[in-house]
C-alpha atoms as a PDB file:
ATOM      1  CA  MET A   1      27.576  -1.267 -45.773  1.00  0.00           C
ATOM      2  CA  ARG A   2      24.664  -3.658 -45.161  1.00  0.00           C
ATOM      3  CA  PHE A   3      26.472  -5.062 -42.155  1.00  0.00           C
ATOM      4  CA  LEU A   4      26.793  -1.569 -40.658  1.00  0.00           C
ATOM      5  CA  TYR A   5      23.050  -0.874 -40.953  1.00  0.00           C
ATOM      6  CA  LEU A   6      22.199  -4.260 -39.478  1.00  0.00           C
ATOM      7  CA  THR A   7      24.555  -3.655 -36.548  1.00  0.00           C
ATOM      8  CA  LEU A   8      23.038  -0.210 -35.877  1.00  0.00           C
ATOM      9  CA  ALA A   9      19.503  -1.588 -36.086  1.00  0.00           C
ATOM     10  CA  LEU A  10      20.286  -4.285 -33.535  1.00  0.00           C
ATOM     11  CA  ALA A  11      21.917  -1.806 -31.130  1.00  0.00           C
ATOM     12  CA  MET A  12      18.932   0.581 -30.984  1.00  0.00           C
ATOM     13  CA  PRO A  13      16.632   0.263 -27.967  1.00  0.00           C
ATOM     14  CA  VAL A  14      13.201  -1.190 -28.573  1.00  0.00           C
ATOM     15  CA  ALA A  15      10.198  -0.512 -26.374  1.00  0.00           C
ATOM     16  CA  ALA A  16       8.906  -3.799 -25.014  1.00  0.00           C
ATOM     17  CA  HIS A  17       5.182  -4.216 -24.556  1.00  0.00           C
ATOM     18  CA  ALA A  18       3.890  -6.402 -21.770  1.00  0.00           C
ATOM     19  CA  GLU A  19       0.529  -7.069 -20.218  1.00  0.00           C
ATOM     20  CA  MET A  20       0.020  -4.708 -17.278  1.00  0.00           C
ATOM     21  CA  VAL A  21      -2.840  -4.469 -14.804  1.00  0.00           C
ATOM     22  CA  VAL A  22      -5.054  -1.388 -15.193  1.00  0.00           C
ATOM     23  CA  SER A  23      -8.177  -0.183 -13.465  1.00  0.00           C
ATOM     24  CA  ASN A  24     -11.428  -0.337 -15.436  1.00  0.00           C
ATOM     25  CA  ARG A  25     -13.052   2.396 -13.306  1.00  0.00           C
ATOM     26  CA  THR A  26     -11.921   5.227 -11.064  1.00  0.00           C
ATOM     27  CA  ILE A  27     -10.879   3.783  -7.709  1.00  0.00           C
ATOM     28  CA  ARG A  28     -10.677   6.381  -4.962  1.00  0.00           C
ATOM     29  CA  ALA A  29      -7.946   6.354  -2.336  1.00  0.00           C
ATOM     30  CA  LYS A  30      -8.771   4.091   0.649  1.00  0.00           C
ATOM     31  CA  GLU A  31     -10.985   1.789  -1.463  1.00  0.00           C
ATOM     32  CA  ILE A  32     -10.360  -1.956  -1.430  1.00  0.00           C
ATOM     33  CA  ILE A  33      -9.576  -3.368  -4.887  1.00  0.00           C
ATOM     34  CA  SER A  34     -11.557  -6.360  -6.171  1.00  0.00           C
ATOM     35  CA  ALA A  35     -11.101  -8.574  -9.228  1.00  0.00           C
ATOM     36  CA  THR A  36     -13.983  -6.833 -11.036  1.00  0.00           C
ATOM     37  CA  ASP A  37     -12.090  -3.507 -10.842  1.00  0.00           C
ATOM     38  CA  LEU A  38      -9.146  -4.755 -12.932  1.00  0.00           C
ATOM     39  CA  ASP A  39      -8.320  -5.367 -16.592  1.00  0.00           C
ATOM     40  CA  MET A  40      -5.169  -6.254 -18.517  1.00  0.00           C
ATOM     41  CA  LYS A  41      -3.672  -3.933 -21.125  1.00  0.00           C
ATOM     42  CA  ALA A  42      -0.594  -4.092 -23.360  1.00  0.00           C
ATOM     43  CA  THR A  43       1.639  -1.174 -22.379  1.00  0.00           C
ATOM     44  CA  ASN A  44       5.268  -0.393 -21.586  1.00  0.00           C
ATOM     45  CA  ALA A  45       5.133   1.380 -18.203  1.00  0.00           C
ATOM     46  CA  SER A  46       8.075   0.627 -15.948  1.00  0.00           C
ATOM     47  CA  GLY A  47       7.259  -0.491 -12.421  1.00  0.00           C
ATOM     48  CA  ALA A  48       3.677  -1.444 -13.272  1.00  0.00           C
ATOM     49  CA  ILE A  49       2.137  -4.550 -11.728  1.00  0.00           C
ATOM     50  CA  THR A  50       1.651  -7.463 -14.120  1.00  0.00           C
ATOM     51  CA  ASN A  51      -0.275  -9.918 -11.927  1.00  0.00           C
ATOM     52  CA  PRO A  52      -3.830  -8.963 -10.895  1.00  0.00           C
ATOM     53  CA  GLN A  53      -3.639 -11.349  -7.902  1.00  0.00           C
ATOM     54  CA  ASP A  54      -1.092  -8.965  -6.342  1.00  0.00           C
ATOM     55  CA  LEU A  55      -3.771  -6.237  -6.196  1.00  0.00           C
ATOM     56  CA  ILE A  56      -6.916  -8.049  -5.121  1.00  0.00           C
ATOM     57  CA  GLY A  57      -7.733  -7.180  -1.499  1.00  0.00           C
ATOM     58  CA  GLN A  58      -5.221  -4.314  -1.403  1.00  0.00           C
ATOM     59  CA  GLU A  59      -6.186  -0.728  -0.606  1.00  0.00           C
ATOM     60  CA  ALA A  60      -5.634   2.114  -3.071  1.00  0.00           C
ATOM     61  CA  ARG A  61      -3.327   4.742  -1.549  1.00  0.00           C
ATOM     62  CA  VAL A  62      -3.979   7.188  -4.394  1.00  0.00           C
ATOM     63  CA  ALA A  63      -6.777   7.575  -6.938  1.00  0.00           C
ATOM     64  CA  LEU A  64      -6.450   4.979  -9.715  1.00  0.00           C
ATOM     65  CA  TYR A  65      -7.834   6.021 -13.089  1.00  0.00           C
ATOM     66  CA  PRO A  66      -9.203   3.757 -15.843  1.00  0.00           C
ATOM     67  CA  GLY A  67      -6.680   2.506 -18.392  1.00  0.00           C
ATOM     68  CA  ARG A  68      -3.607   3.657 -16.460  1.00  0.00           C
ATOM     69  CA  PRO A  69      -1.083   1.096 -15.197  1.00  0.00           C
ATOM     70  CA  ILE A  70      -1.017   0.500 -11.441  1.00  0.00           C
ATOM     71  CA  ARG A  71       2.349   0.642  -9.671  1.00  0.00           C
ATOM     72  CA  GLY A  72       3.283  -1.078  -6.424  1.00  0.00           C
ATOM     73  CA  SER A  73       3.512   2.242  -4.582  1.00  0.00           C
ATOM     74  CA  ASP A  74      -0.122   3.033  -5.531  1.00  0.00           C
ATOM     75  CA  VAL A  75      -1.513   0.283  -3.289  1.00  0.00           C
ATOM     76  CA  GLY A  76      -0.907  -1.258   0.117  1.00  0.00           C
ATOM     77  CA  PRO A  77      -2.473  -3.493   2.734  1.00  0.00           C
ATOM     78  CA  PRO A  78      -5.858  -2.318   4.040  1.00  0.00           C
ATOM     79  CA  ALA A  79      -5.728  -0.008   7.042  1.00  0.00           C
ATOM     80  CA  ILE A  80      -7.269  -1.377  10.229  1.00  0.00           C
ATOM     81  CA  VAL A  81      -6.722   1.773  12.319  1.00  0.00           C
ATOM     82  CA  ASP A  82      -7.996   5.163  11.158  1.00  0.00           C
ATOM     83  CA  ARG A  83      -7.034   8.586  12.420  1.00  0.00           C
ATOM     84  CA  ASN A  84      -8.930   9.515  15.631  1.00  0.00           C
ATOM     85  CA  ASP A  85      -9.894   5.889  16.376  1.00  0.00           C
ATOM     86  CA  LEU A  86      -9.870   4.900  20.039  1.00  0.00           C
ATOM     87  CA  VAL A  87      -7.275   2.153  20.444  1.00  0.00           C
ATOM     88  CA  LEU A  88      -5.753   0.114  23.228  1.00  0.00           C
ATOM     89  CA  LEU A  89      -2.084   0.817  23.961  1.00  0.00           C
ATOM     90  CA  VAL A  90      -0.141  -2.227  25.148  1.00  0.00           C
ATOM     91  CA  PHE A  91       3.270  -2.263  26.818  1.00  0.00           C
ATOM     92  CA  ASN A  92       4.652  -5.748  27.574  1.00  0.00           C
ATOM     93  CA  ARG A  93       7.915  -6.355  29.413  1.00  0.00           C
ATOM     94  CA  ARG A  94       7.603  -9.600  31.317  1.00  0.00           C
ATOM     95  CA  PRO A  95       6.436  -9.698  34.074  1.00  0.00           C
ATOM     96  CA  LEU A  96       5.123  -6.122  33.668  1.00  0.00           C
ATOM     97  CA  SER A  97       2.150  -5.480  31.374  1.00  0.00           C
ATOM     98  CA  ILE A  98       0.487  -2.069  31.064  1.00  0.00           C
ATOM     99  CA  THR A  99      -2.552  -1.142  28.985  1.00  0.00           C
ATOM    100  CA  ALA A 100      -4.062   2.287  28.416  1.00  0.00           C
ATOM    101  CA  GLU A 101      -6.599   3.883  26.118  1.00  0.00           C
ATOM    102  CA  GLY A 102      -5.304   6.058  23.297  1.00  0.00           C
ATOM    103  CA  ARG A 103      -6.388   8.001  20.238  1.00  0.00           C
ATOM    104  CA  ALA A 104      -4.742   7.228  16.902  1.00  0.00           C
ATOM    105  CA  LEU A 105      -3.034  10.252  15.343  1.00  0.00           C
ATOM    106  CA  GLY A 106      -2.511   8.444  12.042  1.00  0.00           C
ATOM    107  CA  ARG A 107      -3.863   5.700   9.846  1.00  0.00           C
ATOM    108  CA  GLY A 108      -2.253   2.348   9.167  1.00  0.00           C
ATOM    109  CA  ALA A 109      -2.290  -1.355   8.434  1.00  0.00           C
ATOM    110  CA  VAL A 110      -0.950  -4.279  10.434  1.00  0.00           C
ATOM    111  CA  GLY A 111       2.729  -3.733  11.237  1.00  0.00           C
ATOM    112  CA  ASP A 112       2.708  -0.018  10.435  1.00  0.00           C
ATOM    113  CA  ARG A 113       4.207   2.367  12.941  1.00  0.00           C
ATOM    114  CA  ILE A 114       1.867   5.184  14.021  1.00  0.00           C
ATOM    115  CA  ARG A 115       1.673   7.894  16.652  1.00  0.00           C
ATOM    116  CA  VAL A 116      -0.957   7.619  19.366  1.00  0.00           C
ATOM    117  CA  MET A 117      -1.958  10.014  22.144  1.00  0.00           C
ATOM    118  CA  ASN A 118      -2.318   8.381  25.566  1.00  0.00           C
ATOM    119  CA  LEU A 119      -5.660   9.728  26.817  1.00  0.00           C
ATOM    120  CA  SER A 120      -4.678   9.484  30.504  1.00  0.00           C
ATOM    121  CA  SER A 121      -1.407  11.397  30.339  1.00  0.00           C
ATOM    122  CA  ARG A 122      -1.962  13.349  27.085  1.00  0.00           C
ATOM    123  CA  THR A 123       1.497  12.282  25.897  1.00  0.00           C
ATOM    124  CA  THR A 124       2.210  11.114  22.368  1.00  0.00           C
ATOM    125  CA  VAL A 125       3.787   7.685  21.908  1.00  0.00           C
ATOM    126  CA  THR A 126       4.715   5.641  18.869  1.00  0.00           C
ATOM    127  CA  GLY A 127       3.896   1.989  18.373  1.00  0.00           C
ATOM    128  CA  HIS A 128       3.258  -0.806  15.874  1.00  0.00           C
ATOM    129  CA  ILE A 129      -0.240  -1.922  14.901  1.00  0.00           C
ATOM    130  CA  ARG A 130      -1.051  -5.497  15.899  1.00  0.00           C
ATOM    131  CA  PRO A 131      -3.409  -7.713  13.858  1.00  0.00           C
ATOM    132  CA  ASP A 132      -6.110  -7.199  16.520  1.00  0.00           C
ATOM    133  CA  GLY A 133      -5.910  -3.384  16.167  1.00  0.00           C
ATOM    134  CA  GLN A 134      -4.058  -2.803  19.416  1.00  0.00           C
ATOM    135  CA  ILE A 135      -0.949  -0.634  19.399  1.00  0.00           C
ATOM    136  CA  GLU A 136       2.198  -2.207  20.818  1.00  0.00           C
ATOM    137  CA  VAL A 137       4.387   0.403  22.464  1.00  0.00           C
ATOM    138  CA  ASN A 138       8.043  -0.338  23.183  1.00  0.00           C
END
């Protein structure tokens, strides 16, 4: 009988506690996260980030509240292009290179794909954000 209870006790799931990164203040969406904004807390949230270095310099995509674990989908790289920014559209097909002025219709970070309105033709195109803030159109 003792063996049966021991076997049942070992088969039951146990909640594991680990150190997770939490915010120590309310961080609004679009704010850049710094080391002073973060604390560690023992909790058992799945998908929560455990290394504060993964968050420092990232941008909050949603509001982060004090004491709540931060998930990977809650943060991302900082946006370098905001909606309605004037940007340079670049089309490169050697030997042809075309540039035009555009207005960003979305917000994004380096490598993100956003829609941009060409101000000359009033057409909407899609391109990837370069590190210099230009939009590369295919």
